[in-house]
Amino acid sequence: MAALAVAAASFLPKIPRDQTIRVELGNLAPRVAALTIRWESATGDEIKGGIPRPRDANIEDWTGEVTFRYENGAPRVIEQKIHAADGDYVVEIEIESMGGRATTAKTISLAGGGTTIDVADLALPAPREIEMGDAGP
C-alpha cells in the first residue's frame, strides 16, 4: 500500500489539471490595447540562472497562447485558465499599446490554484504623435 502511495505521488504532478495565470497590469491597464500570454513547459534549457532564455522569434512552438483585445483599456487584472501539469513554465507576456509593443518573459511554478505575474513596471513605448499633412488651400 505504501508503494502505491509513493507511485501515485510521483505521477500526480504530471497529470494536467486546471491552473490559473493572472497578469497584474496595475496603472498600465488604461493604455493596453491588446495582451498576449504564451506559455511552455520549462526544461533546464529554457532557464539559466532563473531567467528565461531568449526565444527565436521565428519559432512558434508555445504550448499555449491567448490574446485579449480591448477598445478602451484593459482591466487591472487579467485571468486565464489553462489545463497544465504542475511544474515550471516560461510565460511570455506581450502588451500592445498606442505607442507600440513591449514583451517580458517570466518563469513561474504551477502547483494548482493560481499564479500572479506582475507586469505593472513594464516600460511601454510612449504613444506616437500623428503627423498632420500640409492642409494647403
N, C-alpha and C. Protein backbone atom coordinates (compact mmCIF):
# COMPACT_ATOMS: atom_id res chain seq x y z
N MET A 1 0.81 -1.19 0.00
CA MET A 1 0.00 0.00 0.00
C MET A 1 0.86 1.27 0.00
N ALA A 2 1.95 1.24 0.76
CA ALA A 2 2.85 2.40 0.81
C ALA A 2 3.50 2.64 -0.55
N ALA A 3 3.83 1.55 -1.25
CA ALA A 3 4.44 1.69 -2.57
C ALA A 3 3.46 2.33 -3.55
N LEU A 4 2.19 2.01 -3.43
CA LEU A 4 1.17 2.60 -4.29
C LEU A 4 1.04 4.10 -4.02
N ALA A 5 1.10 4.49 -2.75
CA ALA A 5 1.02 5.91 -2.40
C ALA A 5 2.23 6.67 -2.94
N VAL A 6 3.41 6.09 -2.87
CA VAL A 6 4.62 6.74 -3.40
C VAL A 6 4.53 6.86 -4.91
N ALA A 7 4.07 5.83 -5.58
CA ALA A 7 3.92 5.87 -7.04
C ALA A 7 2.90 6.92 -7.45
N ALA A 8 1.79 6.99 -6.75
CA ALA A 8 0.76 7.98 -7.07
C ALA A 8 1.28 9.39 -6.86
N ALA A 9 2.04 9.59 -5.80
CA ALA A 9 2.58 10.93 -5.51
C ALA A 9 3.56 11.38 -6.58
N SER A 10 4.27 10.45 -7.20
CA SER A 10 5.23 10.84 -8.23
C SER A 10 4.56 11.10 -9.58
N PHE A 11 3.40 10.50 -9.83
CA PHE A 11 2.72 10.70 -11.11
C PHE A 11 1.69 11.83 -11.08
N LEU A 12 1.09 12.11 -9.93
CA LEU A 12 0.03 13.12 -9.86
C LEU A 12 0.47 14.50 -10.34
N PRO A 13 1.68 14.99 -10.01
CA PRO A 13 2.06 16.31 -10.51
C PRO A 13 2.16 16.38 -12.04
N LYS A 14 2.32 15.25 -12.71
CA LYS A 14 2.47 15.23 -14.16
C LYS A 14 1.12 15.19 -14.88
N ILE A 15 0.05 15.00 -14.14
CA ILE A 15 -1.29 14.95 -14.74
C ILE A 15 -1.79 16.37 -14.90
N PRO A 16 -2.19 16.77 -16.11
CA PRO A 16 -2.70 18.13 -16.31
C PRO A 16 -3.96 18.38 -15.46
N ARG A 17 -4.05 19.59 -14.95
CA ARG A 17 -5.22 19.99 -14.18
C ARG A 17 -5.44 21.49 -14.38
N ASP A 18 -6.56 21.98 -13.91
CA ASP A 18 -6.87 23.40 -14.08
C ASP A 18 -5.90 24.26 -13.26
N GLN A 19 -5.34 25.27 -13.91
CA GLN A 19 -4.43 26.23 -13.29
C GLN A 19 -4.89 27.61 -13.76
N THR A 20 -4.56 28.64 -13.02
CA THR A 20 -4.92 30.00 -13.40
C THR A 20 -3.68 30.87 -13.42
N ILE A 21 -3.50 31.58 -14.53
CA ILE A 21 -2.44 32.58 -14.63
C ILE A 21 -3.12 33.94 -14.58
N ARG A 22 -2.68 34.78 -13.63
CA ARG A 22 -3.20 36.15 -13.52
C ARG A 22 -2.09 37.11 -13.91
N VAL A 23 -2.44 38.10 -14.73
CA VAL A 23 -1.49 39.15 -15.11
C VAL A 23 -1.96 40.44 -14.47
N GLU A 24 -1.11 41.01 -13.62
CA GLU A 24 -1.41 42.25 -12.91
C GLU A 24 -0.84 43.40 -13.72
N LEU A 25 -1.73 44.22 -14.33
CA LEU A 25 -1.30 45.35 -15.16
C LEU A 25 -1.13 46.64 -14.36
N GLY A 26 -1.83 46.75 -13.26
CA GLY A 26 -1.73 47.96 -12.45
C GLY A 26 -2.10 49.20 -13.26
N ASN A 27 -1.27 50.24 -13.15
CA ASN A 27 -1.54 51.52 -13.83
C ASN A 27 -1.36 51.46 -15.34
N LEU A 28 -0.83 50.36 -15.87
CA LEU A 28 -0.71 50.22 -17.33
C LEU A 28 -2.07 49.95 -17.99
N ALA A 29 -3.01 49.44 -17.23
CA ALA A 29 -4.28 48.95 -17.78
C ALA A 29 -4.97 49.91 -18.75
N PRO A 30 -5.08 51.20 -18.45
CA PRO A 30 -5.79 52.08 -19.39
C PRO A 30 -5.10 52.22 -20.74
N ARG A 31 -3.80 51.94 -20.82
CA ARG A 31 -3.04 52.10 -22.06
C ARG A 31 -2.99 50.82 -22.90
N VAL A 32 -3.49 49.71 -22.37
CA VAL A 32 -3.37 48.42 -23.04
C VAL A 32 -4.47 48.24 -24.08
N ALA A 33 -4.04 48.01 -25.33
CA ALA A 33 -4.97 47.72 -26.43
C ALA A 33 -5.09 46.22 -26.66
N ALA A 34 -4.02 45.48 -26.38
CA ALA A 34 -4.03 44.02 -26.54
C ALA A 34 -2.99 43.41 -25.61
N LEU A 35 -3.27 42.21 -25.14
CA LEU A 35 -2.34 41.49 -24.29
C LEU A 35 -2.31 40.04 -24.74
N THR A 36 -1.12 39.50 -24.97
CA THR A 36 -0.96 38.10 -25.35
C THR A 36 -0.17 37.39 -24.27
N ILE A 37 -0.67 36.22 -23.86
CA ILE A 37 0.03 35.36 -22.90
C ILE A 37 0.39 34.08 -23.65
N ARG A 38 1.68 33.72 -23.60
CA ARG A 38 2.15 32.47 -24.19
C ARG A 38 2.87 31.68 -23.10
N TRP A 39 2.76 30.36 -23.14
CA TRP A 39 3.44 29.57 -22.12
C TRP A 39 3.92 28.25 -22.70
N GLU A 40 4.99 27.75 -22.07
CA GLU A 40 5.53 26.44 -22.41
C GLU A 40 6.20 25.88 -21.17
N SER A 41 6.26 24.55 -21.11
CA SER A 41 6.93 23.89 -20.00
C SER A 41 8.40 24.26 -20.02
N ALA A 42 8.97 24.51 -18.86
CA ALA A 42 10.37 24.94 -18.78
C ALA A 42 11.24 23.75 -18.41
N THR A 43 12.02 23.31 -19.37
CA THR A 43 13.03 22.31 -19.07
C THR A 43 14.29 23.08 -18.72
N GLY A 44 15.34 22.41 -18.38
CA GLY A 44 16.58 23.08 -17.99
C GLY A 44 17.13 24.00 -19.07
N ASP A 45 16.81 23.74 -20.34
CA ASP A 45 17.35 24.55 -21.43
C ASP A 45 16.74 25.94 -21.49
N GLU A 46 15.50 26.09 -21.01
CA GLU A 46 14.83 27.38 -21.12
C GLU A 46 15.24 28.38 -20.05
N ILE A 47 15.82 27.86 -18.96
CA ILE A 47 16.12 28.73 -17.82
C ILE A 47 17.61 28.69 -17.51
N LYS A 48 18.20 29.87 -17.35
CA LYS A 48 19.59 29.96 -16.95
C LYS A 48 19.66 30.99 -15.83
N GLY A 49 20.00 30.55 -14.65
CA GLY A 49 20.06 31.46 -13.51
C GLY A 49 18.71 32.04 -13.14
N GLY A 50 17.62 31.29 -13.39
CA GLY A 50 16.29 31.76 -13.05
C GLY A 50 15.69 32.70 -14.08
N ILE A 51 16.44 33.01 -15.15
CA ILE A 51 15.96 33.93 -16.18
C ILE A 51 15.65 33.13 -17.44
N PRO A 52 14.44 33.30 -18.00
CA PRO A 52 14.11 32.58 -19.23
C PRO A 52 15.07 32.96 -20.35
N ARG A 53 15.44 31.96 -21.15
CA ARG A 53 16.33 32.23 -22.28
C ARG A 53 15.60 33.00 -23.35
N PRO A 54 16.31 33.78 -24.16
CA PRO A 54 15.64 34.46 -25.28
C PRO A 54 15.13 33.41 -26.27
N ARG A 55 13.97 33.68 -26.84
CA ARG A 55 13.39 32.75 -27.81
C ARG A 55 13.63 33.26 -29.22
N ASP A 56 13.71 32.35 -30.14
CA ASP A 56 13.80 32.70 -31.55
C ASP A 56 12.41 33.17 -31.98
N ALA A 57 12.30 34.40 -32.41
CA ALA A 57 11.00 34.98 -32.76
C ALA A 57 10.32 34.22 -33.90
N ASN A 58 11.08 33.45 -34.69
CA ASN A 58 10.50 32.72 -35.80
C ASN A 58 9.93 31.37 -35.39
N ILE A 59 10.17 30.96 -34.16
CA ILE A 59 9.68 29.66 -33.69
C ILE A 59 8.38 29.89 -32.93
N GLU A 60 7.34 29.24 -33.35
CA GLU A 60 6.03 29.40 -32.71
C GLU A 60 5.60 28.06 -32.12
N ASP A 61 6.38 27.54 -31.18
CA ASP A 61 6.08 26.23 -30.61
C ASP A 61 5.63 26.32 -29.16
N TRP A 62 4.90 27.36 -28.83
CA TRP A 62 4.40 27.51 -27.47
C TRP A 62 3.38 26.42 -27.18
N THR A 63 3.30 26.00 -25.92
CA THR A 63 2.30 25.03 -25.51
C THR A 63 0.91 25.63 -25.60
N GLY A 64 0.80 26.91 -25.24
CA GLY A 64 -0.49 27.59 -25.30
C GLY A 64 -0.31 29.07 -25.52
N GLU A 65 -1.34 29.69 -26.06
CA GLU A 65 -1.31 31.13 -26.34
C GLU A 65 -2.73 31.66 -26.36
N VAL A 66 -2.90 32.86 -25.81
CA VAL A 66 -4.20 33.52 -25.84
C VAL A 66 -3.97 35.02 -25.97
N THR A 67 -4.83 35.69 -26.75
CA THR A 67 -4.74 37.14 -26.92
C THR A 67 -6.06 37.77 -26.53
N PHE A 68 -5.97 38.84 -25.75
CA PHE A 68 -7.13 39.63 -25.35
C PHE A 68 -7.00 40.99 -26.03
N ARG A 69 -8.09 41.51 -26.58
CA ARG A 69 -8.08 42.84 -27.22
C ARG A 69 -9.08 43.74 -26.51
N TYR A 70 -8.70 45.02 -26.38
CA TYR A 70 -9.51 45.98 -25.64
C TYR A 70 -9.63 47.28 -26.43
N GLU A 71 -10.83 47.84 -26.47
CA GLU A 71 -11.04 49.12 -27.15
C GLU A 71 -10.76 50.31 -26.25
N ASN A 72 -11.04 50.19 -24.97
CA ASN A 72 -10.92 51.32 -24.04
C ASN A 72 -10.06 50.98 -22.83
N GLY A 73 -8.95 50.29 -23.06
CA GLY A 73 -8.09 49.90 -21.96
C GLY A 73 -8.51 48.55 -21.38
N ALA A 74 -7.60 47.93 -20.68
CA ALA A 74 -7.82 46.60 -20.12
C ALA A 74 -8.16 46.70 -18.63
N PRO A 75 -8.70 45.62 -18.06
CA PRO A 75 -8.87 45.60 -16.61
C PRO A 75 -7.49 45.52 -15.94
N ARG A 76 -7.41 45.88 -14.68
CA ARG A 76 -6.12 45.88 -13.97
C ARG A 76 -5.56 44.46 -13.80
N VAL A 77 -6.44 43.45 -13.73
CA VAL A 77 -6.01 42.06 -13.59
C VAL A 77 -6.69 41.24 -14.67
N ILE A 78 -5.89 40.46 -15.39
CA ILE A 78 -6.42 39.58 -16.44
C ILE A 78 -6.14 38.15 -16.01
N GLU A 79 -7.17 37.30 -16.08
CA GLU A 79 -7.02 35.90 -15.69
C GLU A 79 -7.20 35.00 -16.90
N GLN A 80 -6.37 33.97 -16.95
CA GLN A 80 -6.51 32.95 -17.98
C GLN A 80 -6.40 31.58 -17.33
N LYS A 81 -7.42 30.77 -17.51
CA LYS A 81 -7.37 29.40 -17.01
C LYS A 81 -6.72 28.52 -18.08
N ILE A 82 -5.80 27.68 -17.63
CA ILE A 82 -5.15 26.74 -18.54
C ILE A 82 -5.24 25.35 -17.92
N HIS A 83 -5.08 24.34 -18.74
CA HIS A 83 -5.07 22.95 -18.28
C HIS A 83 -3.63 22.46 -18.47
N ALA A 84 -2.89 22.38 -17.38
CA ALA A 84 -1.46 22.04 -17.46
C ALA A 84 -1.04 21.28 -16.22
N ALA A 85 0.00 20.49 -16.38
CA ALA A 85 0.57 19.76 -15.25
C ALA A 85 1.32 20.73 -14.34
N ASP A 86 1.47 20.36 -13.09
CA ASP A 86 2.29 21.15 -12.18
C ASP A 86 3.72 21.19 -12.70
N GLY A 87 4.42 22.26 -12.39
CA GLY A 87 5.82 22.36 -12.79
C GLY A 87 6.18 23.78 -13.16
N ASP A 88 7.40 23.93 -13.66
CA ASP A 88 7.90 25.24 -14.07
C ASP A 88 7.54 25.52 -15.52
N TYR A 89 7.17 26.77 -15.78
CA TYR A 89 6.78 27.20 -17.12
C TYR A 89 7.42 28.54 -17.44
N VAL A 90 7.78 28.72 -18.69
CA VAL A 90 8.20 30.03 -19.18
C VAL A 90 6.95 30.68 -19.74
N VAL A 91 6.66 31.89 -19.26
CA VAL A 91 5.49 32.63 -19.70
C VAL A 91 5.97 33.92 -20.34
N GLU A 92 5.52 34.17 -21.56
CA GLU A 92 5.84 35.42 -22.25
C GLU A 92 4.57 36.25 -22.29
N ILE A 93 4.70 37.52 -21.92
CA ILE A 93 3.57 38.44 -21.94
C ILE A 93 3.92 39.58 -22.89
N GLU A 94 3.09 39.76 -23.89
CA GLU A 94 3.29 40.84 -24.87
C GLU A 94 2.12 41.81 -24.73
N ILE A 95 2.46 43.08 -24.55
CA ILE A 95 1.44 44.12 -24.40
C ILE A 95 1.55 45.08 -25.57
N GLU A 96 0.41 45.35 -26.18
CA GLU A 96 0.35 46.31 -27.27
C GLU A 96 -0.39 47.54 -26.79
N SER A 97 0.20 48.71 -27.05
CA SER A 97 -0.43 49.98 -26.67
C SER A 97 -0.41 50.89 -27.88
N MET A 98 -0.91 52.10 -27.74
CA MET A 98 -0.90 53.07 -28.84
C MET A 98 0.53 53.39 -29.29
N GLY A 99 1.49 53.23 -28.41
CA GLY A 99 2.88 53.55 -28.73
C GLY A 99 3.66 52.40 -29.34
N GLY A 100 3.16 51.20 -29.27
CA GLY A 100 3.89 50.05 -29.80
C GLY A 100 3.72 48.84 -28.88
N ARG A 101 4.73 47.97 -28.90
CA ARG A 101 4.65 46.72 -28.14
C ARG A 101 5.80 46.61 -27.16
N ALA A 102 5.54 45.90 -26.06
CA ALA A 102 6.56 45.58 -25.08
C ALA A 102 6.34 44.12 -24.67
N THR A 103 7.44 43.40 -24.48
CA THR A 103 7.36 41.98 -24.15
C THR A 103 8.25 41.69 -22.96
N THR A 104 7.78 40.80 -22.10
CA THR A 104 8.59 40.32 -20.98
C THR A 104 8.37 38.82 -20.85
N ALA A 105 9.36 38.13 -20.32
CA ALA A 105 9.25 36.69 -20.08
C ALA A 105 9.56 36.43 -18.61
N LYS A 106 8.79 35.54 -18.02
CA LYS A 106 8.96 35.18 -16.61
C LYS A 106 8.92 33.67 -16.49
N THR A 107 9.58 33.16 -15.48
CA THR A 107 9.48 31.75 -15.14
C THR A 107 8.57 31.63 -13.93
N ILE A 108 7.56 30.77 -14.04
CA ILE A 108 6.63 30.59 -12.93
C ILE A 108 6.56 29.10 -12.59
N SER A 109 6.09 28.81 -11.39
CA SER A 109 5.85 27.44 -10.96
C SER A 109 4.35 27.27 -10.75
N LEU A 110 3.78 26.31 -11.45
CA LEU A 110 2.36 25.99 -11.28
C LEU A 110 2.25 24.79 -10.34
N ALA A 111 1.35 24.91 -9.38
CA ALA A 111 1.14 23.82 -8.42
C ALA A 111 -0.34 23.76 -8.03
N GLY A 112 -1.21 23.99 -8.99
CA GLY A 112 -2.63 24.03 -8.70
C GLY A 112 -3.00 25.41 -8.22
N GLY A 113 -4.23 25.80 -8.42
CA GLY A 113 -4.64 27.13 -7.99
C GLY A 113 -4.18 28.18 -8.97
N GLY A 114 -3.71 29.33 -8.45
CA GLY A 114 -3.37 30.44 -9.33
C GLY A 114 -1.98 30.99 -9.08
N THR A 115 -1.45 31.61 -10.10
CA THR A 115 -0.15 32.27 -10.04
C THR A 115 -0.31 33.65 -10.65
N THR A 116 0.22 34.68 -9.98
CA THR A 116 0.11 36.05 -10.45
C THR A 116 1.45 36.54 -10.97
N ILE A 117 1.41 37.17 -12.14
CA ILE A 117 2.60 37.78 -12.74
C ILE A 117 2.35 39.28 -12.78
N ASP A 118 3.19 40.03 -12.11
CA ASP A 118 3.04 41.48 -12.05
C ASP A 118 3.89 42.12 -13.16
N VAL A 119 3.24 42.80 -14.08
CA VAL A 119 3.94 43.48 -15.16
C VAL A 119 3.72 44.99 -15.11
N ALA A 120 3.24 45.48 -13.96
CA ALA A 120 2.92 46.91 -13.84
C ALA A 120 4.13 47.80 -14.07
N ASP A 121 5.35 47.28 -13.89
CA ASP A 121 6.56 48.08 -14.09
C ASP A 121 7.13 47.97 -15.50
N LEU A 122 6.45 47.23 -16.38
CA LEU A 122 6.93 47.09 -17.76
C LEU A 122 6.88 48.44 -18.46
N ALA A 123 7.95 48.80 -19.12
CA ALA A 123 8.02 50.10 -19.81
C ALA A 123 7.35 49.98 -21.18
N LEU A 124 6.21 50.63 -21.33
CA LEU A 124 5.53 50.66 -22.62
C LEU A 124 6.05 51.83 -23.43
N PRO A 125 6.16 51.66 -24.75
CA PRO A 125 6.59 52.80 -25.58
C PRO A 125 5.59 53.95 -25.47
N ALA A 126 6.10 55.17 -25.54
CA ALA A 126 5.23 56.36 -25.49
C ALA A 126 4.35 56.38 -26.73
N PRO A 127 3.13 56.89 -26.59
CA PRO A 127 2.25 57.00 -27.77
C PRO A 127 2.90 57.83 -28.86
N ARG A 128 2.76 57.37 -30.09
CA ARG A 128 3.31 58.10 -31.23
C ARG A 128 2.41 59.26 -31.58
N GLU A 129 3.03 60.37 -31.94
CA GLU A 129 2.25 61.51 -32.37
C GLU A 129 1.88 61.33 -33.84
N ILE A 130 0.67 61.71 -34.17
CA ILE A 130 0.20 61.61 -35.55
C ILE A 130 0.60 62.90 -36.27
N GLU A 131 1.32 62.74 -37.37
CA GLU A 131 1.74 63.92 -38.13
C GLU A 131 0.63 64.31 -39.09
N MET A 132 0.30 65.56 -39.07
CA MET A 132 -0.74 66.07 -39.95
C MET A 132 -0.06 66.61 -41.22
N GLY A 133 -0.60 66.27 -42.35
CA GLY A 133 -0.05 66.77 -43.61
C GLY A 133 -0.38 68.23 -43.79
N ASP A 134 0.28 68.86 -44.75
CA ASP A 134 0.03 70.26 -45.05
C ASP A 134 -1.37 70.39 -45.63
N ALA A 135 -2.22 71.10 -44.92
CA ALA A 135 -3.62 71.24 -45.34
C ALA A 135 -3.74 72.08 -46.60
N GLY A 136 -2.88 73.06 -46.80
CA GLY A 136 -2.88 73.89 -48.01
C GLY A 136 -4.24 74.45 -48.37
N PRO A 137 -4.31 75.32 -49.37
CA PRO A 137 -5.60 75.92 -49.77
C PRO A 137 -6.47 74.99 -50.56
